[in-house]
C-alpha cells in the first residue's frame, strides 16, 4: 500500500492486488462486499493518519480506479461538513463512488532512462514495438495500449515491466497535462534503434 497526499483534503492510495488478497478481498469485492470493504477503508484511513496526518474526521467520498493487472488507485476526499466527534468515520458517512476503469492499457513508471532502455531492448526482442514515452517529475513513464501488447500474454508483459519499473499511481491524464511527451509512437522500437542498435553498430 502506497499513500500520497494530493492536497489538504484529498489523498491517493495505491493498492496492489496482493494488498487486496492479504485482506481476503478481490477487485469485485470493492462493490459487492460492504463489510469487508468498510474494514479496508478503516485500515487505509488509519494508515493515512499515521503516515500523512490525514484524519477522516468528517464525511468522505471514495473513488476507486482499476489499473488493469497492476492494482487499484483509491482517491479519498474529505468533505467540508460538520459532524459530532462521536460519529467519527461511521459507515453512513462514507459516500463511495466506485469508478472501475476496465481499460486494457498499461502505464508504468521508471526511475532512470537506463531502466527504460533495458526494458525496451527486452520487449523489442520479443516483438513488442509500440508505446508512448513521457517524462514528469524526474521520472519516465511508458504508456502501452492494448493493441500494442498482442505479442505477449498480459501476465508475461506485466512481469517483464515489473522487473524494471513500477505501476504508475499517476493517471495518464495527469502525466499528459503536467509532463512532457518524448515519443508519441512506437517508443519501444525507437528507444531500441537509437540506444541499443546504434550502440551495437558503433
Protein backbone atom coordinates (compact mmCIF):
# COMPACT_ATOMS: atom_id res chain seq x y z
CA UNK A 1 0.00 0.00 0.00
CA UNK A 2 1.41 3.38 -1.04
CA UNK A 3 -0.08 6.69 0.05
CA UNK A 4 0.27 10.20 -1.37
CA UNK A 5 -1.30 13.47 -0.27
CA UNK A 6 -2.76 15.38 -3.22
CA UNK A 7 -3.92 18.42 -1.25
CA UNK A 8 -5.20 19.34 2.20
CA UNK A 9 -8.39 17.28 1.92
CA UNK A 10 -7.53 14.64 -0.67
CA UNK A 11 -5.20 11.63 -0.69
CA UNK A 12 -4.36 8.90 -3.16
CA UNK A 13 -3.79 5.28 -2.12
CA UNK A 14 -2.30 2.66 -4.41
CA UNK A 15 -3.24 -0.93 -3.62
CA UNK A 16 -1.73 -3.90 -5.41
CA UNK A 17 -3.86 -6.98 -5.90
CA UNK A 18 -1.56 -8.65 -3.35
CA UNK A 19 -2.66 -6.00 -0.83
CA UNK A 20 -6.28 -6.93 -1.51
CA UNK A 21 -5.56 -10.67 -1.38
CA UNK A 22 -3.86 -10.33 2.01
CA UNK A 23 -7.12 -8.87 3.32
CA UNK A 24 -9.24 -11.59 1.72
CA UNK A 25 -10.56 -9.25 -0.96
CA UNK A 26 -10.78 -9.27 -4.74
CA UNK A 27 -11.39 -6.38 -7.12
CA UNK A 28 -15.02 -7.47 -7.42
CA UNK A 29 -15.47 -7.25 -3.63
CA UNK A 30 -15.00 -3.48 -3.81
CA UNK A 31 -18.61 -3.14 -4.85
CA UNK A 32 -20.10 -6.43 -3.64
CA UNK A 33 -18.90 -6.97 -0.06
CA UNK A 34 -19.72 -3.93 2.06
CA UNK A 35 -18.48 -5.15 5.48
CA UNK A 36 -15.04 -6.17 4.19
CA UNK A 37 -14.77 -3.02 2.09
CA UNK A 38 -15.57 -0.75 5.02
CA UNK A 39 -12.94 -2.54 7.10
CA UNK A 40 -10.43 -2.00 4.30
CA UNK A 41 -11.26 1.72 4.30
CA UNK A 42 -10.82 1.87 8.06
CA UNK A 43 -7.39 0.28 7.67
CA UNK A 44 -6.49 2.73 4.91
CA UNK A 45 -7.63 5.71 6.95
CA UNK A 46 -5.59 4.56 9.94
CA UNK A 47 -2.54 4.22 7.70
CA UNK A 48 -3.22 7.64 6.15
CA UNK A 49 -3.49 9.21 9.60
CA UNK A 50 -0.24 7.57 10.66
CA UNK A 51 1.78 8.38 7.52
CA UNK A 52 0.24 11.63 6.26
CA UNK A 53 -1.61 13.08 9.24
CA UNK A 54 -4.83 12.77 7.23
CA UNK A 55 -7.75 12.43 9.65
CA UNK A 56 -11.12 11.10 8.50
CA UNK A 57 -12.97 13.40 10.89
CA UNK A 58 -15.94 14.01 8.62
CA UNK A 59 -17.80 12.59 5.64
CA UNK A 60 -15.51 11.19 2.95
CA UNK A 61 -16.02 10.37 -0.72
CA UNK A 62 -14.13 7.42 -2.15
CA UNK A 63 -13.36 6.83 -5.82
CA UNK A 64 -11.80 3.54 -6.91
CA UNK A 65 -9.98 3.13 -10.22
CA UNK A 66 -8.75 -0.18 -11.58
CA UNK A 67 -5.28 -0.19 -13.13
CA UNK A 68 -5.76 -3.35 -15.18
CA UNK A 69 -3.38 -6.06 -13.93
CA UNK A 70 -1.50 -3.63 -11.72
CA UNK A 71 -3.80 -2.86 -8.83
CA UNK A 72 -6.21 -0.17 -7.68
CA UNK A 73 -5.94 3.56 -7.10
CA UNK A 74 -8.23 4.89 -4.38
CA UNK A 75 -8.89 8.64 -4.19
CA UNK A 76 -10.25 9.73 -0.81
CA UNK A 77 -11.72 13.22 -0.46
CA UNK A 78 -12.70 14.66 2.91
CA UNK A 79 -15.89 16.69 2.64
CA UNK A 80 -16.20 20.01 4.44
CA UNK A 81 -19.15 19.21 6.68
CA UNK A 82 -19.62 19.44 10.42
CA UNK A 83 -20.24 16.29 12.44
CA UNK A 84 -20.08 15.09 16.02
CA UNK A 85 -16.79 13.56 17.10
CA UNK A 86 -18.72 10.53 18.40
CA UNK A 87 -19.79 9.85 14.81
CA UNK A 88 -16.23 9.79 13.52
CA UNK A 89 -15.91 7.56 10.47
CA UNK A 90 -19.29 5.90 10.80
CA UNK A 91 -20.21 3.79 7.77
CA UNK A 92 -23.14 6.02 6.85
CA UNK A 93 -20.74 8.93 6.33
CA UNK A 94 -18.90 7.07 3.59
CA UNK A 95 -20.07 8.09 0.14
CA UNK A 96 -18.39 5.55 -2.11
CA UNK A 97 -18.21 6.30 -5.81
CA UNK A 98 -16.71 3.23 -7.45
CA UNK A 99 -15.28 4.06 -10.84
CA UNK A 100 -13.87 0.94 -12.44
CA UNK A 101 -11.68 1.66 -15.43
CA UNK A 102 -11.59 -1.60 -17.36
CA UNK A 103 -9.13 -0.23 -19.90
CA UNK A 104 -6.55 -2.72 -21.02
CA UNK A 105 -3.89 -0.02 -21.37
CA UNK A 106 -0.85 -0.14 -19.12
CA UNK A 107 1.17 2.70 -17.58
CA UNK A 108 4.47 2.07 -15.80
CA UNK A 109 6.97 4.47 -14.27
CA UNK A 110 10.76 4.17 -14.22
CA UNK A 111 13.41 5.84 -12.09
CA UNK A 112 16.03 6.19 -14.84
CA UNK A 113 16.31 6.26 -18.61
CA UNK A 114 18.59 3.22 -18.39
CA UNK A 115 15.68 1.23 -16.96
CA UNK A 116 13.56 2.22 -19.96
CA UNK A 117 16.37 1.34 -22.40
CA UNK A 118 16.93 -2.09 -20.86
CA UNK A 119 13.20 -2.79 -20.83
CA UNK A 120 12.78 -1.64 -24.43
CA UNK A 121 15.59 -3.91 -25.59
CA UNK A 122 13.93 -6.87 -23.86
CA UNK A 123 10.48 -6.13 -25.25
CA UNK A 124 11.73 -5.37 -28.76
CA UNK A 125 13.41 -8.76 -28.92
CA UNK A 126 10.03 -10.29 -28.00
CA UNK A 127 8.25 -8.45 -30.81
CA UNK A 128 6.76 -5.53 -28.86
CA UNK A 129 7.46 -2.20 -30.58
CA UNK A 130 4.71 0.27 -29.59
CA UNK A 131 4.15 2.59 -26.67
CA UNK A 132 4.47 6.26 -25.82
CA UNK A 133 7.20 7.68 -23.59
CA UNK A 134 6.72 10.59 -21.19
CA UNK A 135 8.80 12.28 -18.53
CA UNK A 136 7.47 14.06 -15.46
CA UNK A 137 8.92 14.95 -12.08
CA UNK A 138 12.31 13.40 -12.92
CA UNK A 139 10.78 10.04 -13.80
CA UNK A 140 9.92 8.28 -17.05
CA UNK A 141 6.55 6.79 -17.99
CA UNK A 142 5.75 4.19 -20.63
CA UNK A 143 2.14 4.02 -21.83
CA UNK A 144 1.25 0.93 -23.83
CA UNK A 145 -2.18 0.45 -25.36
CA UNK A 146 -3.95 -2.90 -25.58
CA UNK A 147 -3.39 -3.48 -29.28
CA UNK A 148 0.36 -2.93 -28.82
CA UNK A 149 0.67 -5.85 -26.39
CA UNK A 150 -0.61 -8.64 -28.64
CA UNK A 151 2.78 -10.34 -28.95
CA UNK A 152 2.78 -11.31 -25.26
CA UNK A 153 0.36 -12.71 -22.73
CA UNK A 154 -0.83 -9.99 -20.36
CA UNK A 155 0.70 -11.65 -17.30
CA UNK A 156 4.06 -12.10 -19.05
CA UNK A 157 4.05 -8.49 -20.20
CA UNK A 158 3.32 -7.20 -16.69
CA UNK A 159 6.00 -9.47 -15.22
CA UNK A 160 8.66 -8.04 -17.55
CA UNK A 161 7.61 -4.45 -16.85
CA UNK A 162 7.79 -5.11 -13.11
CA UNK A 163 11.45 -6.12 -13.42
CA UNK A 164 12.39 -2.59 -14.48
CA UNK A 165 9.75 -0.28 -13.00
CA UNK A 166 6.56 0.10 -11.00
CA UNK A 167 2.92 0.61 -11.93
CA UNK A 168 2.22 4.33 -12.03
CA UNK A 169 -0.08 5.73 -9.38
CA UNK A 170 -0.48 8.86 -11.50
CA UNK A 171 -3.05 8.72 -14.28
CA UNK A 172 -2.08 9.11 -17.91
CA UNK A 173 -4.18 12.29 -18.00
CA UNK A 174 -2.15 13.86 -15.21
CA UNK A 175 1.11 12.93 -16.92
CA UNK A 176 -0.10 14.28 -20.25
CA UNK A 177 -1.11 17.54 -18.58
CA UNK A 178 1.96 18.16 -16.43
CA UNK A 179 4.64 16.03 -18.07
CA UNK A 180 6.43 16.10 -21.41
CA UNK A 181 5.85 13.67 -24.26
CA UNK A 182 9.18 12.34 -25.53
CA UNK A 183 7.97 9.78 -28.08
CA UNK A 184 4.40 9.65 -29.35
CA UNK A 185 4.52 6.40 -31.31
CA UNK A 186 6.49 3.13 -31.28
CA UNK A 187 8.55 4.28 -28.31
CA UNK A 188 9.95 0.80 -27.62
CA UNK A 189 11.20 0.45 -31.19
CA UNK A 190 12.60 3.99 -31.26
CA UNK A 191 14.47 3.51 -27.99
CA UNK A 192 15.89 0.19 -29.17
CA UNK A 193 17.03 1.63 -32.50
CA UNK A 194 18.55 4.77 -31.01
CA UNK A 195 20.17 3.47 -27.84
CA UNK A 196 20.73 -0.25 -28.40
CA UNK A 197 21.06 -0.86 -32.14
CA UNK A 198 23.11 2.29 -32.66
CA UNK A 199 25.45 1.33 -29.81
CA UNK A 200 25.92 -2.17 -31.23
CA UNK A 201 26.84 -0.73 -34.63
CA UNK A 202 29.43 1.66 -33.22
